[in-house]
Amino acid sequence: MIYFKNSLLPNSKRLFFILLRLLNKLAQKLLNNILKIYMKKNLRILVINPGSTSTAIALFEDDKLLDKETIRHSSEELSKYKKIFDQHELREKVIINFLKKKISTLIL
């Protein structure tokens, strides 16, 4: 018998808790190894912030900022659209142009 949380446990429960702790440690080691493998890969992240009068775009590799740009949209340009959702083609073109400019200097 062992004491566990102020109570006596029979051997079968003791064995159960020992195995549970062992499995927990193995799971933690496995998760750490998976994270190490995953983090070795370079994550490329495209951040898009469509504001009311501008579109901000940033490109990251892992946590390192590779490039960023804020494109201002004129009132005339935006007045063509009744709803903000109608601007998706305009915003998409801006983002694609940004990526086309950067693809020549950055290998994606």
Protein backbone atom coordinates (compact mmCIF):
# COMPACT_ATOMS: atom_id res chain seq x y z
CA MET A 1 0.00 0.00 0.00
CA ILE A 2 1.08 3.56 -0.73
CA TYR A 3 -0.24 6.93 0.30
CA PHE A 4 -1.72 8.98 -2.52
CA LYS A 5 -3.66 12.14 -1.83
CA ASN A 6 -4.08 11.28 1.84
CA SER A 7 -5.55 7.86 1.18
CA LEU A 8 -4.32 4.31 1.04
CA LEU A 9 -4.28 2.70 -2.39
CA PRO A 10 -4.16 -1.00 -3.12
CA ASN A 11 -1.39 -2.28 -5.39
CA SER A 12 -3.62 -2.40 -8.50
CA LYS A 13 -4.46 1.30 -8.17
CA ARG A 14 -0.83 2.08 -7.44
CA LEU A 15 0.19 0.31 -10.62
CA PHE A 16 -2.50 2.15 -12.54
CA PHE A 17 -1.21 5.55 -11.41
CA ILE A 18 2.38 4.58 -12.16
CA LEU A 19 1.38 3.54 -15.69
CA LEU A 20 -0.68 6.70 -16.10
CA ARG A 21 2.31 8.87 -15.16
CA LEU A 22 4.54 6.89 -17.51
CA LEU A 23 2.08 7.32 -20.39
CA ASN A 24 1.83 11.02 -19.64
CA LYS A 25 5.63 11.41 -19.78
CA LEU A 26 5.81 9.43 -23.03
CA ALA A 27 3.04 11.55 -24.55
CA GLN A 28 4.87 14.74 -23.55
CA LYS A 29 8.12 13.49 -25.11
CA LEU A 30 6.30 12.50 -28.29
CA LEU A 31 4.61 15.88 -28.52
CA ASN A 32 7.92 17.68 -27.95
CA ASN A 33 9.55 15.64 -30.73
CA ILE A 34 6.68 16.37 -33.10
CA LEU A 35 6.93 20.08 -32.32
CA LYS A 36 10.70 20.06 -32.90
CA ILE A 37 10.22 18.44 -36.31
CA TYR A 38 7.38 20.80 -37.20
CA MET A 39 9.26 23.90 -36.09
CA LYS A 40 12.25 23.02 -38.27
CA LYS A 41 10.11 23.82 -41.27
CA ASN A 42 9.97 27.47 -42.21
CA LEU A 43 6.45 28.75 -41.92
CA ARG A 44 5.51 31.41 -44.41
CA ILE A 45 2.67 33.60 -43.27
CA LEU A 46 0.75 36.16 -45.31
CA VAL A 47 -1.06 38.70 -43.14
CA ILE A 48 -3.81 40.78 -44.72
CA ASN A 49 -5.53 43.65 -42.93
CA PRO A 50 -8.26 45.20 -45.09
CA GLY A 51 -8.96 48.53 -43.48
CA SER A 52 -11.67 51.00 -44.42
CA THR A 53 -9.40 53.05 -46.73
CA SER A 54 -6.32 50.85 -47.07
CA THR A 55 -5.07 47.29 -47.35
CA ALA A 56 -2.10 46.38 -45.19
CA ILE A 57 -0.11 43.31 -46.21
CA ALA A 58 2.81 41.66 -44.43
CA LEU A 59 4.85 38.59 -45.29
CA PHE A 60 6.62 36.63 -42.54
CA GLU A 61 8.91 33.64 -42.42
CA ASP A 62 8.42 32.12 -39.00
CA ASP A 63 8.52 35.20 -36.75
CA LYS A 64 10.76 37.25 -39.07
CA LEU A 65 9.13 40.03 -41.06
CA LEU A 66 10.21 39.75 -44.71
CA ASP A 67 8.25 42.65 -46.11
CA LYS A 68 5.19 44.79 -45.51
CA GLU A 69 3.22 47.34 -47.43
CA THR A 70 0.16 49.51 -46.88
CA ILE A 71 -1.80 50.39 -50.00
CA ARG A 72 -4.09 53.41 -49.65
CA HIS A 73 -7.35 53.43 -51.59
CA SER A 74 -8.75 56.76 -52.74
CA SER A 75 -12.31 57.82 -51.98
CA GLU A 76 -13.05 57.79 -55.71
CA GLU A 77 -11.79 54.24 -56.02
CA LEU A 78 -13.86 53.03 -53.05
CA SER A 79 -17.00 54.96 -54.00
CA LYS A 80 -17.51 52.52 -56.90
CA TYR A 81 -18.58 49.87 -54.40
CA LYS A 82 -21.85 49.96 -52.47
CA LYS A 83 -20.76 47.47 -49.81
CA ILE A 84 -17.37 46.64 -48.37
CA PHE A 85 -17.86 43.04 -49.49
CA ASP A 86 -18.02 44.26 -53.09
CA GLN A 87 -14.40 45.40 -52.77
CA HIS A 88 -13.02 41.85 -52.70
CA GLU A 89 -11.78 42.00 -56.33
CA LEU A 90 -10.00 45.30 -55.70
CA ARG A 91 -8.36 43.96 -52.55
CA GLU A 92 -7.48 40.68 -54.26
CA LYS A 93 -5.69 42.53 -57.09
CA VAL A 94 -3.72 44.59 -54.58
CA ILE A 95 -2.62 41.45 -52.74
CA ILE A 96 -1.69 39.59 -55.94
CA ASN A 97 0.33 42.58 -57.19
CA PHE A 98 2.16 42.72 -53.85
CA LEU A 99 3.01 39.02 -54.09
CA LYS A 100 4.11 39.31 -57.74
CA LYS A 101 6.54 42.09 -56.80
CA LYS A 102 7.90 40.13 -53.87
CA ILE A 103 8.14 36.77 -55.60
CA SER A 104 11.05 38.01 -57.69
CA THR A 105 13.03 38.99 -54.58
CA LEU A 106 11.80 36.31 -52.19
CA ILE A 107 11.63 32.63 -52.94
CA LEU A 108 8.20 31.46 -51.83
